[in-house]
Amino acid sequence: MIAPDYAKTWGYGFYHRAVSFERVEAYAGAGGYDRAYLYDSAGDDHLEASGNAAALSTADLSAWAYDFAWVSATSSQGGTDTKHVESIDFVLETEGAWNEIY
């Protein structure tokens, strides 16, 4: 799960939380059906998805999710949120008011 102020990962036997980083990268692996959850900030956010990667960026922060089978991106905190989606290798679910840009 990646939010504007922290990121966390968990699974069988582990839990990790990162706070106050300008860039976060999360990599799925070892099979399974890994999921990534991206959450917007109160400002303007941009979602970019292409190939095996999804990125959510603000003016100050960026969060990247690589090789996940499923990615959810939620726009619910305000601002003008945009998205650009190209050919992707994963299921992308968007919720909220994402404005498509080409």
Foldseek 3Di string as FASTA:
>chain_A
DDEPAKDWDDDVPDIDIDGDDQEEEAEDDDDDQAEEEAEYELEEWEWEADEQKIWIDDPRHIYMYGNHQEYEYEYDNHYAYEYEYDDYNHHYHYYDDYHYDD
